[in-house]
Amino acid sequence: MSSYADRIVPTLEDLAALLTSAGVRAGLERSQLEVPGAWVTPASVGDYTLDGEAHTITTAVLLVAPAGGDLAPLKVLTGLLAKAETVISPDEDVDTSVVLNVRNTPLPAFRLTVVIPIKEP
């Protein structure tokens, strides 16, 4: 029997592919992030059953824009958000005050928290 832990990465890869299909380049490797784009990373797992199996994963989707002034990155981020929301719905307020360090460069970002089912074996 496969543990839920073995299915975390495939679940996140599916989410990244879904975002990419909506026009938001997404991946799981922050060091390989194409900006503008999205970094998908796990935050927590939950919805445990009595046998210790988890059924959901809380995921952080960080939409990232190139640095440059205030308005230009904001327009990029709101555009990414509009595309992302065609395929996912944030489960918490969108954090619009994030700065993500990518390859030693601080970049403006929005953080979306999304709770999704862990992929079935």
PDB file of N, CA and C in Angstrom:
ATOM      1  N   MET A   1       0.844  -1.187   0.000  1.00  0.00           N
ATOM      2  CA  MET A   1       0.000   0.000   0.000  1.00  0.00           C
ATOM      3  C   MET A   1       0.885   1.244   0.000  1.00  0.00           C
ATOM      4  N   SER A   2       0.540   2.195  -0.792  1.00  0.00           N
ATOM      5  CA  SER A   2       1.285   3.433  -0.929  1.00  0.00           C
ATOM      6  C   SER A   2       0.899   4.404   0.186  1.00  0.00           C
ATOM      7  N   SER A   3       1.884   5.026   0.781  1.00  0.00           N
ATOM      8  CA  SER A   3       1.637   6.031   1.798  1.00  0.00           C
ATOM      9  C   SER A   3       1.255   7.350   1.126  1.00  0.00           C
ATOM     10  N   TYR A   4       0.467   8.145   1.835  1.00  0.00           N
ATOM     11  CA  TYR A   4       0.117   9.459   1.299  1.00  0.00           C
ATOM     12  C   TYR A   4       1.373  10.280   1.021  1.00  0.00           C
ATOM     13  N   ALA A   5       2.438  10.076   1.802  1.00  0.00           N
ATOM     14  CA  ALA A   5       3.672  10.840   1.613  1.00  0.00           C
ATOM     15  C   ALA A   5       4.259  10.617   0.229  1.00  0.00           C
ATOM     16  N   ASP A   6       4.100   9.409  -0.299  1.00  0.00           N
ATOM     17  CA  ASP A   6       4.610   9.093  -1.636  1.00  0.00           C
ATOM     18  C   ASP A   6       3.841   9.824  -2.733  1.00  0.00           C
ATOM     19  N   ARG A   7       2.678  10.358  -2.383  1.00  0.00           N
ATOM     20  CA  ARG A   7       1.831  10.996  -3.398  1.00  0.00           C
ATOM     21  C   ARG A   7       1.834  12.522  -3.311  1.00  0.00           C
ATOM     22  N   ILE A   8       2.608  13.079  -2.379  1.00  0.00           N
ATOM     23  CA  ILE A   8       2.649  14.542  -2.239  1.00  0.00           C
ATOM     24  C   ILE A   8       3.260  15.188  -3.480  1.00  0.00           C
ATOM     25  N   VAL A   9       4.421  14.727  -3.908  1.00  0.00           N
ATOM     26  CA  VAL A   9       5.076  15.347  -5.064  1.00  0.00           C
ATOM     27  C   VAL A   9       4.219  15.211  -6.328  1.00  0.00           C
ATOM     28  N   PRO A  10       3.671  14.026  -6.647  1.00  0.00           N
ATOM     29  CA  PRO A  10       2.805  13.952  -7.832  1.00  0.00           C
ATOM     30  C   PRO A  10       1.580  14.866  -7.742  1.00  0.00           C
ATOM     31  N   THR A  11       1.051  15.050  -6.539  1.00  0.00           N
ATOM     32  CA  THR A  11      -0.091  15.958  -6.364  1.00  0.00           C
ATOM     33  C   THR A  11       0.314  17.396  -6.685  1.00  0.00           C
ATOM     34  N   LEU A  12       1.476  17.806  -6.176  1.00  0.00           N
ATOM     35  CA  LEU A  12       1.966  19.158  -6.455  1.00  0.00           C
ATOM     36  C   LEU A  12       2.311  19.336  -7.931  1.00  0.00           C
ATOM     37  N   GLU A  13       2.872  18.304  -8.547  1.00  0.00           N
ATOM     38  CA  GLU A  13       3.180  18.369  -9.985  1.00  0.00           C
ATOM     39  C   GLU A  13       1.907  18.540 -10.805  1.00  0.00           C
ATOM     40  N   ASP A  14       0.834  17.859 -10.401  1.00  0.00           N
ATOM     41  CA  ASP A  14      -0.446  18.019 -11.101  1.00  0.00           C
ATOM     42  C   ASP A  14      -0.973  19.443 -10.967  1.00  0.00           C
ATOM     43  N   LEU A  15      -0.831  20.024  -9.772  1.00  0.00           N
ATOM     44  CA  LEU A  15      -1.269  21.405  -9.561  1.00  0.00           C
ATOM     45  C   LEU A  15      -0.456  22.367 -10.425  1.00  0.00           C
ATOM     46  N   ALA A  16       0.847  22.160 -10.484  1.00  0.00           N
ATOM     47  CA  ALA A  16       1.707  23.010 -11.325  1.00  0.00           C
ATOM     48  C   ALA A  16       1.309  22.883 -12.791  1.00  0.00           C
ATOM     49  N   ALA A  17       1.004  21.672 -13.242  1.00  0.00           N
ATOM     50  CA  ALA A  17       0.586  21.466 -14.636  1.00  0.00           C
ATOM     51  C   ALA A  17      -0.752  22.160 -14.906  1.00  0.00           C
ATOM     52  N   LEU A  18      -1.652  22.121 -13.937  1.00  0.00           N
ATOM     53  CA  LEU A  18      -2.948  22.787 -14.085  1.00  0.00           C
ATOM     54  C   LEU A  18      -2.763  24.300 -14.228  1.00  0.00           C
ATOM     55  N   LEU A  19      -1.912  24.881 -13.398  1.00  0.00           N
ATOM     56  CA  LEU A  19      -1.629  26.318 -13.495  1.00  0.00           C
ATOM     57  C   LEU A  19      -0.978  26.664 -14.828  1.00  0.00           C
ATOM     58  N   THR A  20      -0.037  25.827 -15.261  1.00  0.00           N
ATOM     59  CA  THR A  20       0.638  26.057 -16.542  1.00  0.00           C
ATOM     60  C   THR A  20      -0.369  26.017 -17.684  1.00  0.00           C
ATOM     61  N   SER A  21      -1.325  25.102 -17.605  1.00  0.00           N
ATOM     62  CA  SER A  21      -2.350  25.017 -18.660  1.00  0.00           C
ATOM     63  C   SER A  21      -3.225  26.262 -18.706  1.00  0.00           C
ATOM     64  N   ALA A  22      -3.292  26.994 -17.586  1.00  0.00           N
ATOM     65  CA  ALA A  22      -4.076  28.229 -17.529  1.00  0.00           C
ATOM     66  C   ALA A  22      -3.244  29.451 -17.919  1.00  0.00           C
ATOM     67  N   GLY A  23      -1.977  29.235 -18.286  1.00  0.00           N
ATOM     68  CA  GLY A  23      -1.139  30.345 -18.722  1.00  0.00           C
ATOM     69  C   GLY A  23      -0.211  30.894 -17.663  1.00  0.00           C
ATOM     70  N   VAL A  24      -0.086  30.187 -16.519  1.00  0.00           N
ATOM     71  CA  VAL A  24       0.822  30.598 -15.455  1.00  0.00           C
ATOM     72  C   VAL A  24       1.919  29.540 -15.359  1.00  0.00           C
ATOM     73  N   ARG A  25       3.112  29.851 -15.863  1.00  0.00           N
ATOM     74  CA  ARG A  25       4.215  28.879 -15.776  1.00  0.00           C
ATOM     75  C   ARG A  25       4.459  28.562 -14.315  1.00  0.00           C
ATOM     76  N   ALA A  26       4.386  27.282 -13.978  1.00  0.00           N
ATOM     77  CA  ALA A  26       4.500  26.888 -12.576  1.00  0.00           C
ATOM     78  C   ALA A  26       5.419  25.696 -12.427  1.00  0.00           C
ATOM     79  N   GLY A  27       6.102  25.642 -11.292  1.00  0.00           N
ATOM     80  CA  GLY A  27       6.977  24.521 -11.003  1.00  0.00           C
ATOM     81  C   GLY A  27       7.212  24.388  -9.518  1.00  0.00           C
ATOM     82  N   LEU A  28       7.918  23.318  -9.147  1.00  0.00           N
ATOM     83  CA  LEU A  28       8.185  23.021  -7.748  1.00  0.00           C
ATOM     84  C   LEU A  28       9.598  23.412  -7.313  1.00  0.00           C
ATOM     85  N   GLU A  29      10.428  23.828  -8.253  1.00  0.00           N
ATOM     86  CA  GLU A  29      11.810  24.201  -7.959  1.00  0.00           C
ATOM     87  C   GLU A  29      11.961  25.719  -7.973  1.00  0.00           C
ATOM     88  N   ARG A  30      12.101  26.309  -6.792  1.00  0.00           N
ATOM     89  CA  ARG A  30      12.246  27.771  -6.746  1.00  0.00           C
ATOM     90  C   ARG A  30      13.462  28.223  -7.538  1.00  0.00           C
ATOM     91  N   SER A  31      14.538  27.448  -7.516  1.00  0.00           N
ATOM     92  CA  SER A  31      15.762  27.841  -8.219  1.00  0.00           C
ATOM     93  C   SER A  31      15.600  27.820  -9.736  1.00  0.00           C
ATOM     94  N   GLN A  32      14.571  27.143 -10.230  1.00  0.00           N
ATOM     95  CA  GLN A  32      14.333  27.070 -11.672  1.00  0.00           C
ATOM     96  C   GLN A  32      13.093  27.858 -12.086  1.00  0.00           C
ATOM     97  N   LEU A  33      12.567  28.668 -11.192  1.00  0.00           N
ATOM     98  CA  LEU A  33      11.353  29.430 -11.456  1.00  0.00           C
ATOM     99  C   LEU A  33      11.559  30.394 -12.623  1.00  0.00           C
ATOM    100  N   GLU A  34      10.661  30.340 -13.576  1.00  0.00           N
ATOM    101  CA  GLU A  34      10.650  31.307 -14.678  1.00  0.00           C
ATOM    102  C   GLU A  34       9.724  32.444 -14.281  1.00  0.00           C
ATOM    103  N   VAL A  35      10.278  33.646 -14.248  1.00  0.00           N
ATOM    104  CA  VAL A  35       9.524  34.825 -13.816  1.00  0.00           C
ATOM    105  C   VAL A  35       9.118  35.638 -15.023  1.00  0.00           C
ATOM    106  N   PRO A  36       7.846  36.024 -15.154  1.00  0.00           N
ATOM    107  CA  PRO A  36       6.764  35.785 -14.206  1.00  0.00           C
ATOM    108  C   PRO A  36       6.327  34.317 -14.231  1.00  0.00           C
ATOM    109  N   GLY A  37       5.913  33.859 -13.076  1.00  0.00           N
ATOM    110  CA  GLY A  37       5.472  32.477 -12.948  1.00  0.00           C
ATOM    111  C   GLY A  37       5.037  32.174 -11.538  1.00  0.00           C
ATOM    112  N   ALA A  38       4.916  30.875 -11.240  1.00  0.00           N
ATOM    113  CA  ALA A  38       4.438  30.451  -9.929  1.00  0.00           C
ATOM    114  C   ALA A  38       5.313  29.345  -9.362  1.00  0.00           C
ATOM    115  N   TRP A  39       5.565  29.446  -8.068  1.00  0.00           N
ATOM    116  CA  TRP A  39       6.261  28.393  -7.342  1.00  0.00           C
ATOM    117  C   TRP A  39       5.223  27.695  -6.479  1.00  0.00           C
ATOM    118  N   VAL A  40       5.120  26.380  -6.629  1.00  0.00           N
ATOM    119  CA  VAL A  40       4.161  25.570  -5.884  1.00  0.00           C
ATOM    120  C   VAL A  40       4.927  24.799  -4.812  1.00  0.00           C
ATOM    121  N   THR A  41       4.497  24.930  -3.556  1.00  0.00           N
ATOM    122  CA  THR A  41       5.204  24.271  -2.456  1.00  0.00           C
ATOM    123  C   THR A  41       4.207  23.816  -1.392  1.00  0.00           C
ATOM    124  N   PRO A  42       4.493  22.697  -0.733  1.00  0.00           N
ATOM    125  CA  PRO A  42       3.571  22.216   0.301  1.00  0.00           C
ATOM    126  C   PRO A  42       3.659  23.059   1.569  1.00  0.00           C
ATOM    127  N   ALA A  43       2.531  23.205   2.247  1.00  0.00           N
ATOM    128  CA  ALA A  43       2.503  23.913   3.535  1.00  0.00           C
ATOM    129  C   ALA A  43       2.179  22.935   4.668  1.00  0.00           C
ATOM    130  N   SER A  44       1.172  22.071   4.456  1.00  0.00           N
ATOM    131  CA  SER A  44       0.822  21.083   5.479  1.00  0.00           C
ATOM    132  C   SER A  44      -0.072  20.021   4.857  1.00  0.00           C
ATOM    133  N   VAL A  45      -0.164  18.884   5.534  1.00  0.00           N
ATOM    134  CA  VAL A  45      -1.094  17.835   5.119  1.00  0.00           C
ATOM    135  C   VAL A  45      -2.088  17.631   6.245  1.00  0.00           C
ATOM    136  N   GLY A  46      -3.271  17.137   5.894  1.00  0.00           N
ATOM    137  CA  GLY A  46      -4.289  16.973   6.921  1.00  0.00           C
ATOM    138  C   GLY A  46      -5.408  16.065   6.487  1.00  0.00           C
ATOM    139  N   ASP A  47      -6.526  16.174   7.210  1.00  0.00           N
ATOM    140  CA  ASP A  47      -7.702  15.354   6.972  1.00  0.00           C
ATOM    141  C   ASP A  47      -7.349  13.877   7.162  1.00  0.00           C
ATOM    142  N   TYR A  48      -6.725  13.604   8.316  1.00  0.00           N
ATOM    143  CA  TYR A  48      -6.272  12.244   8.614  1.00  0.00           C
ATOM    144  C   TYR A  48      -7.440  11.336   8.974  1.00  0.00           C
ATOM    145  N   THR A  49      -7.303  10.061   8.601  1.00  0.00           N
ATOM    146  CA  THR A  49      -8.264   9.042   8.994  1.00  0.00           C
ATOM    147  C   THR A  49      -7.663   8.232  10.141  1.00  0.00           C
ATOM    148  N   LEU A  50      -8.421   7.332  10.707  1.00  0.00           N
ATOM    149  CA  LEU A  50      -7.951   6.547  11.847  1.00  0.00           C
ATOM    150  C   LEU A  50      -6.726   5.705  11.523  1.00  0.00           C
ATOM    151  N   ASP A  51      -6.540   5.340  10.251  1.00  0.00           N
ATOM    152  CA  ASP A  51      -5.375   4.527   9.886  1.00  0.00           C
ATOM    153  C   ASP A  51      -4.134   5.376   9.620  1.00  0.00           C
ATOM    154  N   GLY A  52      -4.210   6.680   9.902  1.00  0.00           N
ATOM    155  CA  GLY A  52      -3.059   7.555   9.738  1.00  0.00           C
ATOM    156  C   GLY A  52      -2.863   8.095   8.336  1.00  0.00           C
ATOM    157  N   GLU A  53      -3.815   7.870   7.462  1.00  0.00           N
ATOM    158  CA  GLU A  53      -3.734   8.325   6.081  1.00  0.00           C
ATOM    159  C   GLU A  53      -4.236   9.767   5.985  1.00  0.00           C
ATOM    160  N   ALA A  54      -3.463  10.633   5.340  1.00  0.00           N
ATOM    161  CA  ALA A  54      -3.885  12.024   5.110  1.00  0.00           C
ATOM    162  C   ALA A  54      -4.563  12.108   3.747  1.00  0.00           C
ATOM    163  N   HIS A  55      -5.529  13.007   3.625  1.00  0.00           N
ATOM    164  CA  HIS A  55      -6.286  13.092   2.377  1.00  0.00           C
ATOM    165  C   HIS A  55      -6.229  14.451   1.699  1.00  0.00           C
ATOM    166  N   THR A  56      -5.712  15.464   2.386  1.00  0.00           N
ATOM    167  CA  THR A  56      -5.594  16.782   1.760  1.00  0.00           C
ATOM    168  C   THR A  56      -4.208  17.350   2.004  1.00  0.00           C
ATOM    169  N   ILE A  57      -3.831  18.253   1.121  1.00  0.00           N
ATOM    170  CA  ILE A  57      -2.573  18.977   1.285  1.00  0.00           C
ATOM    171  C   ILE A  57      -2.870  20.465   1.122  1.00  0.00           C
ATOM    172  N   THR A  58      -2.393  21.239   2.069  1.00  0.00           N
ATOM    173  CA  THR A  58      -2.488  22.689   1.968  1.00  0.00           C
ATOM    174  C   THR A  58      -1.239  23.146   1.230  1.00  0.00           C
ATOM    175  N   THR A  59      -1.459  23.864   0.162  1.00  0.00           N
ATOM    176  CA  THR A  59      -0.390  24.222  -0.758  1.00  0.00           C
ATOM    177  C   THR A  59      -0.266  25.735  -0.870  1.00  0.00           C
ATOM    178  N   ALA A  60       0.958  26.204  -0.890  1.00  0.00           N
ATOM    179  CA  ALA A  60       1.211  27.619  -1.154  1.00  0.00           C
ATOM    180  C   ALA A  60       1.583  27.764  -2.621  1.00  0.00           C
ATOM    181  N   VAL A  61       0.842  28.598  -3.324  1.00  0.00           N
ATOM    182  CA  VAL A  61       1.150  28.940  -4.707  1.00  0.00           C
ATOM    183  C   VAL A  61       1.616  30.388  -4.678  1.00  0.00           C
ATOM    184  N   LEU A  62       2.888  30.584  -4.962  1.00  0.00           N
ATOM    185  CA  LEU A  62       3.442  31.937  -4.959  1.00  0.00           C
ATOM    186  C   LEU A  62       3.551  32.430  -6.393  1.00  0.00           C
ATOM    187  N   LEU A  63       2.746  33.415  -6.714  1.00  0.00           N
ATOM    188  CA  LEU A  63       2.808  34.064  -8.025  1.00  0.00           C
ATOM    189  C   LEU A  63       3.910  35.105  -7.926  1.00  0.00           C
ATOM    190  N   VAL A  64       4.840  35.088  -8.869  1.00  0.00           N
ATOM    191  CA  VAL A  64       6.034  35.922  -8.758  1.00  0.00           C
ATOM    192  C   VAL A  64       6.194  36.777 -10.015  1.00  0.00           C
ATOM    193  N   ALA A  65       6.528  38.054  -9.801  1.00  0.00           N
ATOM    194  CA  ALA A  65       6.747  39.004 -10.895  1.00  0.00           C
ATOM    195  C   ALA A  65       8.184  39.500 -10.865  1.00  0.00           C
ATOM    196  N   PRO A  66       8.659  40.002 -12.008  1.00  0.00           N
ATOM    197  CA  PRO A  66       9.987  40.624 -12.010  1.00  0.00           C
ATOM    198  C   PRO A  66       9.976  41.892 -11.142  1.00  0.00           C
ATOM    199  N   ALA A  67      11.115  42.234 -10.591  1.00  0.00           N
ATOM    200  CA  ALA A  67      11.236  43.463  -9.816  1.00  0.00           C
ATOM    201  C   ALA A  67      11.158  44.657 -10.753  1.00  0.00           C
ATOM    202  N   GLY A  68      10.772  45.792 -10.210  1.00  0.00           N
ATOM    203  CA  GLY A  68      10.753  47.006 -11.016  1.00  0.00           C
ATOM    204  C   GLY A  68       9.644  47.947 -10.633  1.00  0.00           C
ATOM    205  N   GLY A  69       9.947  48.915  -9.841  1.00  0.00           N
ATOM    206  CA  GLY A  69       8.939  49.899  -9.465  1.00  0.00           C
ATOM    207  C   GLY A  69       7.843  49.274  -8.619  1.00  0.00           C
ATOM    208  N   ASP A  70       6.670  49.904  -8.662  1.00  0.00           N
ATOM    209  CA  ASP A  70       5.526  49.400  -7.900  1.00  0.00           C
ATOM    210  C   ASP A  70       4.403  48.934  -8.818  1.00  0.00           C
ATOM    211  N   LEU A  71       4.069  49.740  -9.804  1.00  0.00           N
ATOM    212  CA  LEU A  71       2.899  49.456 -10.634  1.00  0.00           C
ATOM    213  C   LEU A  71       3.125  48.311 -11.617  1.00  0.00           C
ATOM    214  N   ALA A  72       4.271  48.265 -12.256  1.00  0.00           N
ATOM    215  CA  ALA A  72       4.513  47.212 -13.259  1.00  0.00           C
ATOM    216  C   ALA A  72       4.419  45.809 -12.650  1.00  0.00           C
ATOM    217  N   PRO A  73       5.088  45.529 -11.514  1.00  0.00           N
ATOM    218  CA  PRO A  73       4.943  44.203 -10.913  1.00  0.00           C
ATOM    219  C   PRO A  73       3.506  43.918 -10.461  1.00  0.00           C
ATOM    220  N   LEU A  74       2.824  44.944  -9.949  1.00  0.00           N
ATOM    221  CA  LEU A  74       1.445  44.762  -9.510  1.00  0.00           C
ATOM    222  C   LEU A  74       0.555  44.350 -10.680  1.00  0.00           C
ATOM    223  N   LYS A  75       0.754  44.969 -11.834  1.00  0.00           N
ATOM    224  CA  LYS A  75      -0.028  44.583 -13.017  1.00  0.00           C
ATOM    225  C   LYS A  75       0.268  43.152 -13.431  1.00  0.00           C
ATOM    226  N   VAL A  76       1.533  42.743 -13.364  1.00  0.00           N
ATOM    227  CA  VAL A  76       1.901  41.361 -13.698  1.00  0.00           C
ATOM    228  C   VAL A  76       1.241  40.403 -12.713  1.00  0.00           C
ATOM    229  N   LEU A  77       1.326  40.715 -11.420  1.00  0.00           N
ATOM    230  CA  LEU A  77       0.772  39.827 -10.396  1.00  0.00           C
ATOM    231  C   LEU A  77      -0.746  39.707 -10.489  1.00  0.00           C
ATOM    232  N   THR A  78      -1.423  40.808 -10.749  1.00  0.00           N
ATOM    233  CA  THR A  78      -2.876  40.721 -10.871  1.00  0.00           C
ATOM    234  C   THR A  78      -3.269  39.941 -12.129  1.00  0.00           C
ATOM    235  N   GLY A  79      -2.471  40.055 -13.170  1.00  0.00           N
ATOM    236  CA  GLY A  79      -2.718  39.251 -14.369  1.00  0.00           C
ATOM    237  C   GLY A  79      -2.521  37.766 -14.107  1.00  0.00           C
ATOM    238  N   LEU A  80      -1.446  37.420 -13.373  1.00  0.00           N
ATOM    239  CA  LEU A  80      -1.216  36.022 -13.003  1.00  0.00           C
ATOM    240  C   LEU A  80      -2.340  35.503 -12.116  1.00  0.00           C
ATOM    241  N   LEU A  81      -2.782  36.338 -11.180  1.00  0.00           N
ATOM    242  CA  LEU A  81      -3.863  35.949 -10.283  1.00  0.00           C
ATOM    243  C   LEU A  81      -5.142  35.654 -11.059  1.00  0.00           C
ATOM    244  N   ALA A  82      -5.465  36.499 -12.009  1.00  0.00           N
ATOM    245  CA  ALA A  82      -6.674  36.281 -12.813  1.00  0.00           C
ATOM    246  C   ALA A  82      -6.595  34.956 -13.562  1.00  0.00           C
ATOM    247  N   LYS A  83      -5.442  34.640 -14.118  1.00  0.00           N
ATOM    248  CA  LYS A  83      -5.279  33.367 -14.835  1.00  0.00           C
ATOM    249  C   LYS A  83      -5.354  32.186 -13.868  1.00  0.00           C
ATOM    250  N   ALA A  84      -4.666  32.297 -12.728  1.00  0.00           N
ATOM    251  CA  ALA A  84      -4.655  31.201 -11.752  1.00  0.00           C
ATOM    252  C   ALA A  84      -6.056  30.904 -11.238  1.00  0.00           C
ATOM    253  N   GLU A  85      -6.836  31.957 -11.021  1.00  0.00           N
ATOM    254  CA  GLU A  85      -8.175  31.756 -10.481  1.00  0.00           C
ATOM    255  C   GLU A  85      -9.160  31.153 -11.489  1.00  0.00           C
ATOM    256  N   THR A  86      -8.720  30.953 -12.719  1.00  0.00           N
ATOM    257  CA  THR A  86      -9.577  30.223 -13.668  1.00  0.00           C
ATOM    258  C   THR A  86      -9.519  28.722 -13.404  1.00  0.00           C
ATOM    259  N   VAL A  87      -8.492  28.268 -12.662  1.00  0.00           N
ATOM    260  CA  VAL A  87      -8.353  26.824 -12.408  1.00  0.00           C
ATOM    261  C   VAL A  87      -8.266  26.457 -10.927  1.00  0.00           C
ATOM    262  N   ILE A  88      -8.001  27.426 -10.045  1.00  0.00           N
ATOM    263  CA  ILE A  88      -7.969  27.158  -8.605  1.00  0.00           C
ATOM    264  C   ILE A  88      -8.698  28.276  -7.862  1.00  0.00           C
ATOM    265  N   SER A  89      -9.157  27.953  -6.663  1.00  0.00           N
ATOM    266  CA  SER A  89      -9.805  28.945  -5.803  1.00  0.00           C
ATOM    267  C   SER A  89      -9.053  29.004  -4.480  1.00  0.00           C
ATOM    268  N   PRO A  90      -8.510  30.158  -4.127  1.00  0.00           N
ATOM    269  CA  PRO A  90      -7.806  30.258  -2.852  1.00  0.00           C
ATOM    270  C   PRO A  90      -8.731  29.935  -1.678  1.00  0.00           C
ATOM    271  N   ASP A  91      -8.189  29.240  -0.689  1.00  0.00           N
ATOM    272  CA  ASP A  91      -8.959  28.877   0.497  1.00  0.00           C
ATOM    273  C   ASP A  91      -8.749  29.866   1.634  1.00  0.00           C
ATOM    274  N   GLU A  92      -7.889  30.836   1.439  1.00  0.00           N
ATOM    275  CA  GLU A  92      -7.663  31.921   2.395  1.00  0.00           C
ATOM    276  C   GLU A  92      -7.522  33.212   1.601  1.00  0.00           C
ATOM    277  N   ASP A  93      -7.485  34.323   2.302  1.00  0.00           N
ATOM    278  CA  ASP A  93      -7.233  35.591   1.627  1.00  0.00           C
ATOM    279  C   ASP A  93      -5.904  35.511   0.889  1.00  0.00           C
ATOM    280  N   VAL A  94      -5.824  36.160  -0.267  1.00  0.00           N
ATOM    281  CA  VAL A  94      -4.580  36.215  -1.028  1.00  0.00           C
ATOM    282  C   VAL A  94      -3.644  37.202  -0.338  1.00  0.00           C
ATOM    283  N   ASP A  95      -2.453  36.724   0.013  1.00  0.00           N
ATOM    284  CA  ASP A  95      -1.447  37.585   0.654  1.00  0.00           C
ATOM    285  C   ASP A  95      -0.723  38.338  -0.455  1.00  0.00           C
ATOM    286  N   THR A  96      -0.933  39.633  -0.501  1.00  0.00           N
ATOM    287  CA  THR A  96      -0.365  40.456  -1.573  1.00  0.00           C
ATOM    288  C   THR A  96       0.925  41.171  -1.154  1.00  0.00           C
ATOM    289  N   SER A  97       1.474  40.808   0.005  1.00  0.00           N
ATOM    290  CA  SER A  97       2.636  41.534   0.522  1.00  0.00           C
ATOM    291  C   SER A  97       3.889  40.669   0.598  1.00  0.00           C
ATOM    292  N   VAL A  98       3.977  39.653  -0.230  1.00  0.00           N
ATOM    293  CA  VAL A  98       5.089  38.704  -0.153  1.00  0.00           C
ATOM    294  C   VAL A  98       6.265  39.186  -0.997  1.00  0.00           C
ATOM    295  N   VAL A  99       7.456  38.959  -0.481  1.00  0.00           N
ATOM    296  CA  VAL A  99       8.686  39.159  -1.244  1.00  0.00           C
ATOM    297  C   VAL A  99       9.402  37.816  -1.221  1.00  0.00           C
ATOM    298  N   LEU A 100       9.640  37.243  -2.388  1.00  0.00           N
ATOM    299  CA  LEU A 100      10.267  35.933  -2.496  1.00  0.00           C
ATOM    300  C   LEU A 100      11.685  36.096  -3.023  1.00  0.00           C
ATOM    301  N   ASN A 101      12.628  35.482  -2.345  1.00  0.00           N
ATOM    302  CA  ASN A 101      14.016  35.536  -2.781  1.00  0.00           C
ATOM    303  C   ASN A 101      14.251  34.430  -3.821  1.00  0.00           C
ATOM    304  N   VAL A 102      14.517  34.820  -5.051  1.00  0.00           N
ATOM    305  CA  VAL A 102      14.772  33.868  -6.134  1.00  0.00           C
ATOM    306  C   VAL A 102      16.163  34.166  -6.682  1.00  0.00           C
ATOM    307  N   ARG A 103      17.057  33.188  -6.563  1.00  0.00           N
ATOM    308  CA  ARG A 103      18.448  33.345  -7.018  1.00  0.00           C
ATOM    309  C   ARG A 103      19.059  34.644  -6.482  1.00  0.00           C
ATOM    310  N   ASN A 104      18.885  34.848  -5.175  1.00  0.00           N
ATOM    311  CA  ASN A 104      19.437  35.998  -4.451  1.00  0.00           C
ATOM    312  C   ASN A 104      18.862  37.339  -4.893  1.00  0.00           C
ATOM    313  N   THR A 105      17.682  37.303  -5.495  1.00  0.00           N
ATOM    314  CA  THR A 105      17.013  38.534  -5.899  1.00  0.00           C
ATOM    315  C   THR A 105      15.633  38.591  -5.255  1.00  0.00           C
ATOM    316  N   PRO A 106      15.321  39.620  -4.475  1.00  0.00           N
ATOM    317  CA  PRO A 106      13.984  39.741  -3.896  1.00  0.00           C
ATOM    318  C   PRO A 106      12.977  40.155  -4.967  1.00  0.00           C
ATOM    319  N   LEU A 107      11.920  39.358  -5.105  1.00  0.00           N
ATOM    320  CA  LEU A 107      10.911  39.615  -6.126  1.00  0.00           C
ATOM    321  C   LEU A 107       9.529  39.733  -5.489  1.00  0.00           C
ATOM    322  N   PRO A 108       8.681  40.625  -6.008  1.00  0.00           N
ATOM    323  CA  PRO A 108       7.331  40.758  -5.481  1.00  0.00           C
ATOM    324  C   PRO A 108       6.502  39.521  -5.823  1.00  0.00           C
ATOM    325  N   ALA A 109       5.629  39.147  -4.872  1.00  0.00           N
ATOM    326  CA  ALA A 109       4.824  37.944  -5.069  1.00  0.00           C
ATOM    327  C   ALA A 109       3.487  38.058  -4.353  1.00  0.00           C
ATOM    328  N   PHE A 110       2.530  37.263  -4.829  1.00  0.00           N
ATOM    329  CA  PHE A 110       1.263  37.038  -4.139  1.00  0.00           C
ATOM    330  C   PHE A 110       1.274  35.584  -3.685  1.00  0.00           C
ATOM    331  N   ARG A 111       0.770  35.305  -2.477  1.00  0.00           N
ATOM    332  CA  ARG A 111       0.670  33.928  -1.991  1.00  0.00           C
ATOM    333  C   ARG A 111      -0.800  33.514  -1.945  1.00  0.00           C
ATOM    334  N   LEU A 112      -1.099  32.422  -2.658  1.00  0.00           N
ATOM    335  CA  LEU A 112      -2.429  31.824  -2.618  1.00  0.00           C
ATOM    336  C   LEU A 112      -2.323  30.529  -1.822  1.00  0.00           C
ATOM    337  N   THR A 113      -3.212  30.330  -0.885  1.00  0.00           N
ATOM    338  CA  THR A 113      -3.266  29.088  -0.126  1.00  0.00           C
ATOM    339  C   THR A 113      -4.415  28.265  -0.690  1.00  0.00           C
ATOM    340  N   VAL A 114      -4.092  27.033  -1.099  1.00  0.00           N
ATOM    341  CA  VAL A 114      -5.078  26.172  -1.737  1.00  0.00           C
ATOM    342  C   VAL A 114      -5.034  24.805  -1.062  1.00  0.00           C
ATOM    343  N   VAL A 115      -6.191  24.314  -0.623  1.00  0.00           N
ATOM    344  CA  VAL A 115      -6.292  22.980  -0.046  1.00  0.00           C
ATOM    345  C   VAL A 115      -6.820  22.048  -1.137  1.00  0.00           C
ATOM    346  N   ILE A 116      -6.042  21.014  -1.451  1.00  0.00           N
ATOM    347  CA  ILE A 116      -6.417  20.101  -2.522  1.00  0.00           C
ATOM    348  C   ILE A 116      -6.341  18.661  -2.032  1.00  0.00           C
ATOM    349  N   PRO A 117      -7.093  17.765  -2.664  1.00  0.00           N
ATOM    350  CA  PRO A 117      -6.986  16.354  -2.280  1.00  0.00           C
ATOM    351  C   PRO A 117      -5.636  15.790  -2.720  1.00  0.00           C
ATOM    352  N   ILE A 118      -5.091  14.917  -1.887  1.00  0.00           N
ATOM    353  CA  ILE A 118      -3.860  14.214  -2.258  1.00  0.00           C
ATOM    354  C   ILE A 118      -4.228  13.178  -3.317  1.00  0.00           C
ATOM    355  N   LYS A 119      -3.430  13.129  -4.350  1.00  0.00           N
ATOM    356  CA  LYS A 119      -3.659  12.235  -5.477  1.00  0.00           C
ATOM    357  C   LYS A 119      -3.811  10.783  -4.999  1.00  0.00           C
ATOM    358  N   GLU A 120      -4.780  10.110  -5.570  1.00  0.00           N
ATOM    359  CA  GLU A 120      -5.005   8.703  -5.225  1.00  0.00           C
ATOM    360  C   GLU A 120      -3.931   7.835  -5.853  1.00  0.00           C
ATOM    361  N   PRO A 121      -3.611   6.707  -5.206  1.00  0.00           N
ATOM    362  CA  PRO A 121      -2.574   5.825  -5.773  1.00  0.00           C
ATOM    363  C   PRO A 121      -2.994   5.204  -7.102  1.00  0.00           C
TER     364      PRO A 121
END
